[in-house]
N, C-alpha and C. Protein backbone atom coordinates (compact mmCIF):
# COMPACT_ATOMS: atom_id res chain seq x y z
N MET A 1 261.40 311.26 170.68
CA MET A 1 261.55 311.44 169.26
C MET A 1 263.00 311.82 168.97
N GLU A 2 263.62 311.14 168.01
CA GLU A 2 264.98 311.45 167.60
C GLU A 2 264.93 312.42 166.43
N ILE A 3 265.83 313.40 166.42
CA ILE A 3 265.93 314.33 165.31
C ILE A 3 267.40 314.48 164.96
N TRP A 4 267.71 314.30 163.69
CA TRP A 4 269.08 314.46 163.21
C TRP A 4 269.03 315.34 161.98
N VAL A 5 269.95 316.29 161.89
CA VAL A 5 269.97 317.24 160.79
C VAL A 5 271.08 316.85 159.82
N VAL A 6 270.75 316.81 158.55
CA VAL A 6 271.71 316.50 157.49
C VAL A 6 271.69 317.64 156.49
N THR A 7 272.86 318.09 156.06
CA THR A 7 272.97 319.17 155.10
C THR A 7 273.31 318.60 153.73
N PHE A 8 272.56 318.96 152.72
CA PHE A 8 272.86 318.57 151.35
C PHE A 8 273.53 319.74 150.65
N GLN A 9 274.15 319.49 149.51
CA GLN A 9 274.89 320.51 148.79
C GLN A 9 274.01 321.70 148.42
N SER A 10 272.75 321.48 148.25
CA SER A 10 271.85 322.56 147.89
C SER A 10 271.65 323.53 149.05
N GLY A 11 272.15 323.18 150.22
CA GLY A 11 272.00 324.03 151.38
C GLY A 11 270.79 323.68 152.22
N LYS A 12 269.94 322.79 151.74
CA LYS A 12 268.78 322.44 152.55
C LYS A 12 269.19 321.42 153.61
N HIS A 13 268.51 321.46 154.70
CA HIS A 13 268.75 320.53 155.80
C HIS A 13 267.57 319.57 155.89
N LEU A 14 267.87 318.33 156.12
CA LEU A 14 266.81 317.35 156.32
C LEU A 14 266.86 316.85 157.75
N LYS A 15 265.72 316.78 158.39
CA LYS A 15 265.62 316.20 159.72
C LYS A 15 264.90 314.87 159.57
N LEU A 16 265.59 313.78 159.84
CA LEU A 16 264.96 312.48 159.86
C LEU A 16 264.51 312.24 161.28
N THR A 17 263.23 311.98 161.44
CA THR A 17 262.68 311.78 162.78
C THR A 17 262.03 310.41 162.89
N PHE A 18 262.06 309.87 164.09
CA PHE A 18 261.43 308.58 164.38
C PHE A 18 260.62 308.75 165.65
N ASP A 19 259.34 308.43 165.57
CA ASP A 19 258.45 308.50 166.72
C ASP A 19 258.08 307.07 167.11
N ALA A 20 258.70 306.56 168.17
CA ALA A 20 258.51 305.17 168.59
C ALA A 20 257.06 304.87 168.94
N SER A 21 256.33 305.84 169.42
CA SER A 21 254.94 305.59 169.82
C SER A 21 254.03 305.31 168.63
N LYS A 22 254.47 305.67 167.42
CA LYS A 22 253.68 305.43 166.21
C LYS A 22 254.08 304.16 165.47
N CYS A 23 255.23 303.61 165.80
CA CYS A 23 255.77 302.48 165.04
C CYS A 23 254.99 301.19 165.30
N LEU A 24 254.53 300.56 164.24
CA LEU A 24 253.81 299.29 164.33
C LEU A 24 254.75 298.09 164.37
N GLY A 25 255.98 298.30 164.03
CA GLY A 25 256.92 297.19 163.93
C GLY A 25 256.72 296.38 162.66
N CYS A 26 256.11 296.96 161.65
CA CYS A 26 255.81 296.23 160.41
C CYS A 26 257.06 296.00 159.56
N ARG A 27 258.07 296.81 159.77
CA ARG A 27 259.34 296.73 159.07
C ARG A 27 259.26 297.03 157.57
N ALA A 28 258.21 297.73 157.17
CA ALA A 28 258.10 298.17 155.77
C ALA A 28 259.27 299.08 155.43
N CYS A 29 259.73 299.85 156.40
CA CYS A 29 260.88 300.73 156.18
C CYS A 29 262.13 299.91 155.86
N GLN A 30 262.30 298.80 156.52
CA GLN A 30 263.47 297.95 156.27
C GLN A 30 263.42 297.33 154.88
N ILE A 31 262.25 296.89 154.46
CA ILE A 31 262.09 296.31 153.12
C ILE A 31 262.37 297.37 152.07
N ALA A 32 261.83 298.58 152.26
CA ALA A 32 262.05 299.66 151.30
C ALA A 32 263.53 300.01 151.20
N CYS A 33 264.20 300.03 152.33
CA CYS A 33 265.62 300.35 152.34
C CYS A 33 266.45 299.27 151.66
N ALA A 34 266.20 298.02 151.98
CA ALA A 34 266.94 296.91 151.35
C ALA A 34 266.72 296.90 149.85
N THR A 35 265.51 297.22 149.43
CA THR A 35 265.21 297.29 148.01
C THR A 35 265.99 298.42 147.36
N GLN A 36 266.03 299.56 148.03
CA GLN A 36 266.75 300.73 147.50
C GLN A 36 268.26 300.49 147.44
N LEU A 37 268.82 299.92 148.50
CA LEU A 37 270.27 299.74 148.57
C LEU A 37 270.78 298.59 147.71
N PHE A 38 270.06 297.44 147.77
CA PHE A 38 270.59 296.22 147.15
C PHE A 38 269.59 295.49 146.26
N SER A 39 268.47 296.12 145.94
CA SER A 39 267.40 295.47 145.16
C SER A 39 267.04 294.12 145.78
N SER A 40 266.86 294.15 147.08
CA SER A 40 266.64 292.93 147.85
C SER A 40 265.44 293.09 148.78
N LEU A 41 264.86 291.98 149.17
CA LEU A 41 263.80 291.99 150.19
C LEU A 41 264.32 291.46 151.52
N ASN A 42 265.62 291.29 151.63
CA ASN A 42 266.26 290.75 152.82
C ASN A 42 266.41 291.85 153.88
N LEU A 43 265.79 291.68 155.04
CA LEU A 43 265.85 292.69 156.09
C LEU A 43 267.27 292.97 156.56
N ARG A 44 268.16 292.00 156.42
CA ARG A 44 269.56 292.17 156.84
C ARG A 44 270.33 293.08 155.88
N GLU A 45 269.73 293.45 154.77
CA GLU A 45 270.38 294.33 153.81
C GLU A 45 269.82 295.75 153.86
N SER A 46 269.26 296.09 155.00
CA SER A 46 268.65 297.40 155.19
C SER A 46 269.56 298.29 156.03
N GLY A 47 269.52 299.58 155.77
CA GLY A 47 270.27 300.56 156.54
C GLY A 47 269.50 301.09 157.74
N ILE A 48 268.31 300.57 157.95
CA ILE A 48 267.52 300.91 159.14
C ILE A 48 267.08 299.60 159.78
N ARG A 49 267.09 299.57 161.08
CA ARG A 49 266.66 298.37 161.80
C ARG A 49 265.64 298.77 162.86
N VAL A 50 264.51 298.07 162.84
CA VAL A 50 263.46 298.29 163.83
C VAL A 50 263.55 297.15 164.83
N ASN A 51 263.62 297.52 166.09
CA ASN A 51 263.74 296.53 167.16
C ASN A 51 262.61 296.71 168.16
N GLY A 52 262.19 295.62 168.75
CA GLY A 52 261.18 295.70 169.78
C GLY A 52 259.81 295.34 169.27
N LEU A 53 258.87 295.46 170.15
CA LEU A 53 257.48 295.12 169.86
C LEU A 53 256.77 296.29 169.20
N PRO A 54 255.63 296.03 168.57
CA PRO A 54 254.87 297.15 168.01
C PRO A 54 254.57 298.19 169.08
N PHE A 55 254.61 299.42 168.69
CA PHE A 55 254.46 300.59 169.54
C PHE A 55 255.56 300.58 170.60
N ASN A 56 256.22 301.68 170.69
CA ASN A 56 257.36 301.89 171.57
C ASN A 56 258.55 301.00 171.23
N SER A 57 258.67 300.65 169.97
CA SER A 57 259.87 299.98 169.51
C SER A 57 260.91 301.07 169.25
N ASN A 58 262.08 300.68 168.78
CA ASN A 58 263.07 301.68 168.44
C ASN A 58 263.62 301.39 167.05
N ALA A 59 264.23 302.39 166.48
CA ALA A 59 264.82 302.25 165.16
C ALA A 59 266.26 302.72 165.21
N SER A 60 267.13 301.96 164.57
CA SER A 60 268.54 302.34 164.45
C SER A 60 268.80 302.69 162.99
N PHE A 61 269.41 303.84 162.78
CA PHE A 61 269.78 304.28 161.43
C PHE A 61 270.90 305.29 161.57
N CYS A 62 271.66 305.46 160.51
CA CYS A 62 272.80 306.37 160.51
C CYS A 62 272.35 307.78 160.86
N LYS A 63 273.08 308.41 161.75
CA LYS A 63 272.76 309.78 162.18
C LYS A 63 273.41 310.83 161.30
N GLN A 64 274.17 310.40 160.27
CA GLN A 64 274.83 311.31 159.33
C GLN A 64 275.66 312.33 160.10
N CYS A 65 276.55 311.83 160.95
CA CYS A 65 277.40 312.68 161.79
C CYS A 65 278.18 313.69 160.97
N ARG A 66 278.37 314.86 161.52
CA ARG A 66 279.16 315.89 160.85
C ARG A 66 280.64 315.53 160.84
N GLU A 67 281.09 314.80 161.86
CA GLU A 67 282.46 314.29 161.93
C GLU A 67 282.36 312.79 162.18
N PRO A 68 282.08 312.00 161.16
CA PRO A 68 281.78 310.58 161.32
C PRO A 68 282.97 309.75 161.81
N ALA A 69 282.78 309.06 162.91
CA ALA A 69 283.81 308.17 163.44
C ALA A 69 284.08 307.03 162.47
N CYS A 70 283.05 306.56 161.78
CA CYS A 70 283.24 305.48 160.81
C CYS A 70 284.21 305.91 159.71
N MET A 71 284.07 307.13 159.26
CA MET A 71 284.94 307.65 158.21
C MET A 71 286.37 307.85 158.74
N ASP A 72 286.48 308.37 159.94
CA ASP A 72 287.80 308.60 160.54
C ASP A 72 288.58 307.30 160.72
N HIS A 73 287.88 306.20 160.96
CA HIS A 73 288.54 304.91 161.21
C HIS A 73 288.79 304.10 159.95
N CYS A 74 288.28 304.55 158.81
CA CYS A 74 288.46 303.80 157.57
C CYS A 74 289.79 304.20 156.92
N ASP A 75 290.75 303.28 156.94
CA ASP A 75 292.07 303.54 156.36
C ASP A 75 292.07 303.57 154.83
N LEU A 76 291.02 303.06 154.21
CA LEU A 76 290.97 302.97 152.75
C LEU A 76 290.16 304.10 152.11
N ASN A 77 289.65 305.02 152.93
CA ASN A 77 288.82 306.12 152.44
C ASN A 77 287.59 305.62 151.69
N ALA A 78 287.07 304.48 152.10
CA ALA A 78 285.86 303.93 151.48
C ALA A 78 284.61 304.62 152.00
N ILE A 79 284.74 305.37 153.08
CA ILE A 79 283.62 306.12 153.63
C ILE A 79 283.93 307.60 153.47
N TYR A 80 282.97 308.33 152.93
CA TYR A 80 283.20 309.74 152.62
C TYR A 80 281.90 310.52 152.79
N LEU A 81 282.03 311.83 152.87
CA LEU A 81 280.88 312.71 152.95
C LEU A 81 280.56 313.25 151.57
N SER A 82 279.30 313.22 151.22
CA SER A 82 278.84 313.78 149.96
C SER A 82 277.60 314.60 150.24
N GLY A 83 277.74 315.90 150.18
CA GLY A 83 276.59 316.77 150.44
C GLY A 83 276.03 316.61 151.83
N GLY A 84 276.87 316.30 152.81
CA GLY A 84 276.41 316.14 154.18
C GLY A 84 275.93 314.75 154.52
N VAL A 85 276.00 313.83 153.57
CA VAL A 85 275.56 312.44 153.80
C VAL A 85 276.78 311.54 153.84
N VAL A 86 276.84 310.66 154.83
CA VAL A 86 277.94 309.71 154.93
C VAL A 86 277.65 308.56 153.96
N MET A 87 278.58 308.37 153.02
CA MET A 87 278.42 307.38 151.96
C MET A 87 279.50 306.31 152.06
N ILE A 88 279.24 305.15 151.45
CA ILE A 88 280.20 304.06 151.39
C ILE A 88 280.52 303.77 149.93
N ASP A 89 281.81 303.73 149.61
CA ASP A 89 282.27 303.30 148.29
C ASP A 89 282.57 301.80 148.41
N TYR A 90 281.63 300.98 148.00
CA TYR A 90 281.78 299.54 148.17
C TYR A 90 282.92 298.96 147.34
N ASP A 91 283.31 299.64 146.27
CA ASP A 91 284.44 299.16 145.47
C ASP A 91 285.77 299.32 146.22
N SER A 92 285.82 300.26 147.15
CA SER A 92 287.05 300.49 147.92
C SER A 92 287.06 299.76 149.26
N CYS A 93 285.92 299.28 149.70
CA CYS A 93 285.80 298.64 151.02
C CYS A 93 286.51 297.28 151.03
N ALA A 94 287.33 297.06 152.07
CA ALA A 94 288.06 295.80 152.21
C ALA A 94 287.34 294.81 153.12
N GLY A 95 286.24 295.22 153.73
CA GLY A 95 285.49 294.32 154.59
C GLY A 95 286.13 294.08 155.94
N CYS A 96 286.77 295.09 156.51
CA CYS A 96 287.49 294.93 157.78
C CYS A 96 286.61 295.11 159.02
N LYS A 97 285.41 295.67 158.87
CA LYS A 97 284.43 295.90 159.94
C LYS A 97 284.81 297.03 160.90
N VAL A 98 285.92 297.71 160.67
CA VAL A 98 286.34 298.77 161.58
C VAL A 98 285.29 299.88 161.67
N CYS A 99 284.70 300.24 160.55
CA CYS A 99 283.69 301.31 160.54
C CYS A 99 282.48 300.95 161.39
N VAL A 100 282.05 299.70 161.31
CA VAL A 100 280.89 299.25 162.07
C VAL A 100 281.18 299.36 163.57
N LYS A 101 282.36 298.94 163.96
CA LYS A 101 282.76 299.01 165.36
C LYS A 101 282.95 300.44 165.83
N ALA A 102 283.31 301.35 164.94
CA ALA A 102 283.58 302.73 165.30
C ALA A 102 282.32 303.56 165.50
N CYS A 103 281.21 303.14 164.95
CA CYS A 103 279.97 303.93 165.04
C CYS A 103 279.50 304.03 166.49
N PRO A 104 279.44 305.23 167.05
CA PRO A 104 279.03 305.39 168.45
C PRO A 104 277.54 305.13 168.68
N TYR A 105 276.76 305.05 167.60
CA TYR A 105 275.32 304.87 167.71
C TYR A 105 274.87 303.44 167.36
N ASP A 106 275.82 302.57 167.05
CA ASP A 106 275.48 301.21 166.58
C ASP A 106 274.49 301.28 165.44
N ALA A 107 274.73 302.21 164.53
CA ALA A 107 273.79 302.47 163.44
C ALA A 107 274.37 302.09 162.08
N MET A 108 275.48 301.38 162.10
CA MET A 108 276.06 300.81 160.88
C MET A 108 276.07 299.31 161.11
N PHE A 109 275.62 298.58 160.12
CA PHE A 109 275.42 297.14 160.29
C PHE A 109 276.35 296.35 159.39
N TRP A 110 276.52 295.08 159.70
CA TRP A 110 277.41 294.23 158.93
C TRP A 110 276.62 293.13 158.26
N HIS A 111 276.87 292.94 156.99
CA HIS A 111 276.24 291.86 156.24
C HIS A 111 277.28 290.78 156.02
N GLU A 112 277.12 289.66 156.70
CA GLU A 112 278.10 288.57 156.66
C GLU A 112 278.29 288.00 155.26
N GLU A 113 277.19 287.72 154.57
CA GLU A 113 277.29 287.10 153.25
C GLU A 113 277.98 287.99 152.23
N LYS A 114 277.70 289.28 152.30
CA LYS A 114 278.29 290.23 151.34
C LYS A 114 279.64 290.76 151.83
N ASN A 115 279.92 290.55 153.12
CA ASN A 115 281.16 291.04 153.73
C ASN A 115 281.29 292.56 153.55
N LEU A 116 280.17 293.27 153.84
CA LEU A 116 280.09 294.71 153.63
C LEU A 116 279.37 295.40 154.78
N PRO A 117 279.73 296.66 155.05
CA PRO A 117 278.94 297.46 155.99
C PRO A 117 277.67 297.96 155.29
N ILE A 118 276.65 298.17 156.06
CA ILE A 118 275.38 298.68 155.54
C ILE A 118 274.94 299.85 156.41
N LYS A 119 274.52 300.94 155.77
CA LYS A 119 274.04 302.09 156.51
C LYS A 119 273.06 302.91 155.67
N CYS A 120 272.32 303.74 156.34
CA CYS A 120 271.39 304.65 155.67
C CYS A 120 272.17 305.70 154.90
N ASN A 121 271.73 305.98 153.67
CA ASN A 121 272.31 307.07 152.89
C ASN A 121 271.26 308.11 152.51
N LEU A 122 270.13 308.05 153.18
CA LEU A 122 269.00 308.97 152.97
C LEU A 122 268.47 308.98 151.55
N CYS A 123 268.78 307.95 150.80
CA CYS A 123 268.22 307.79 149.44
C CYS A 123 268.30 309.08 148.63
N ASN A 124 269.45 309.73 148.68
CA ASN A 124 269.66 310.98 147.93
C ASN A 124 268.64 312.07 148.27
N GLY A 125 268.25 312.12 149.53
CA GLY A 125 267.34 313.17 149.98
C GLY A 125 265.87 312.84 149.90
N ASN A 126 265.55 311.64 149.46
CA ASN A 126 264.15 311.20 149.37
C ASN A 126 264.02 309.82 150.02
N PRO A 127 264.14 309.76 151.35
CA PRO A 127 264.17 308.47 152.04
C PRO A 127 262.94 307.60 151.77
N ARG A 128 263.20 306.42 151.20
CA ARG A 128 262.12 305.47 150.90
C ARG A 128 261.43 305.00 152.18
N CYS A 129 262.16 304.90 153.27
CA CYS A 129 261.57 304.45 154.54
C CYS A 129 260.44 305.38 154.97
N VAL A 130 260.64 306.66 154.74
CA VAL A 130 259.62 307.66 155.10
C VAL A 130 258.39 307.48 154.22
N GLU A 131 258.62 307.26 152.93
CA GLU A 131 257.51 307.11 151.98
C GLU A 131 256.61 305.93 152.31
N VAL A 132 257.19 304.83 152.79
CA VAL A 132 256.39 303.61 152.98
C VAL A 132 255.85 303.43 154.39
N CYS A 133 256.27 304.24 155.34
CA CYS A 133 255.82 304.07 156.72
C CYS A 133 254.32 304.37 156.82
N PRO A 134 253.50 303.37 157.15
CA PRO A 134 252.04 303.57 157.14
C PRO A 134 251.54 304.45 158.27
N THR A 135 252.30 304.61 159.33
CA THR A 135 251.83 305.41 160.47
C THR A 135 252.61 306.71 160.62
N HIS A 136 253.50 306.98 159.69
CA HIS A 136 254.33 308.19 159.73
C HIS A 136 255.21 308.24 160.98
N ALA A 137 255.68 307.07 161.42
CA ALA A 137 256.62 307.02 162.54
C ALA A 137 257.97 307.58 162.11
N LEU A 138 258.27 307.45 160.83
CA LEU A 138 259.46 308.05 160.25
C LEU A 138 259.03 309.21 159.38
N GLU A 139 259.67 310.33 159.58
CA GLU A 139 259.36 311.49 158.77
C GLU A 139 260.64 312.26 158.46
N VAL A 140 260.58 313.04 157.43
CA VAL A 140 261.69 313.92 157.08
C VAL A 140 261.14 315.33 156.93
N GLU A 141 261.85 316.27 157.51
CA GLU A 141 261.44 317.66 157.43
C GLU A 141 262.56 318.44 156.75
N GLU A 142 262.19 319.39 155.91
CA GLU A 142 263.18 320.22 155.21
C GLU A 142 263.27 321.58 155.88
N GLU A 143 264.49 322.07 155.97
CA GLU A 143 264.74 323.44 156.41
C GLU A 143 265.70 324.07 155.43
N TRP A 144 265.60 325.35 155.24
CA TRP A 144 266.53 326.04 154.33
C TRP A 144 267.48 326.88 155.12
């Protein structure tokens, strides 16, 4: 089980967890994310990627690093921290792919048609992927 802690401005911490043994591989989380990010049903426009067969598959998503390599490598300051969440300013992004290559977790993705990086932004503290997961393979826990 993966656990990552993210701090929001309110001081609460969110732990996004993924339990591979519960994952059906239905990719409902990917559809929910693509809809949230780009109003799309295209799996390639999702900030979470599910790989592998049902049960014991894996999921890739932004770990919301406290010192994000993607942000450090962006010369245009298009990647920034907001309340502990790594965000992308798409208006400032030049489409150079440096941020995607810099991610040590391979958790930032590239959309060829849009020429943009794609990553999880935790849906402002209410991750849609968690809401739609039928087996609760993805969960979020709050700590104060």
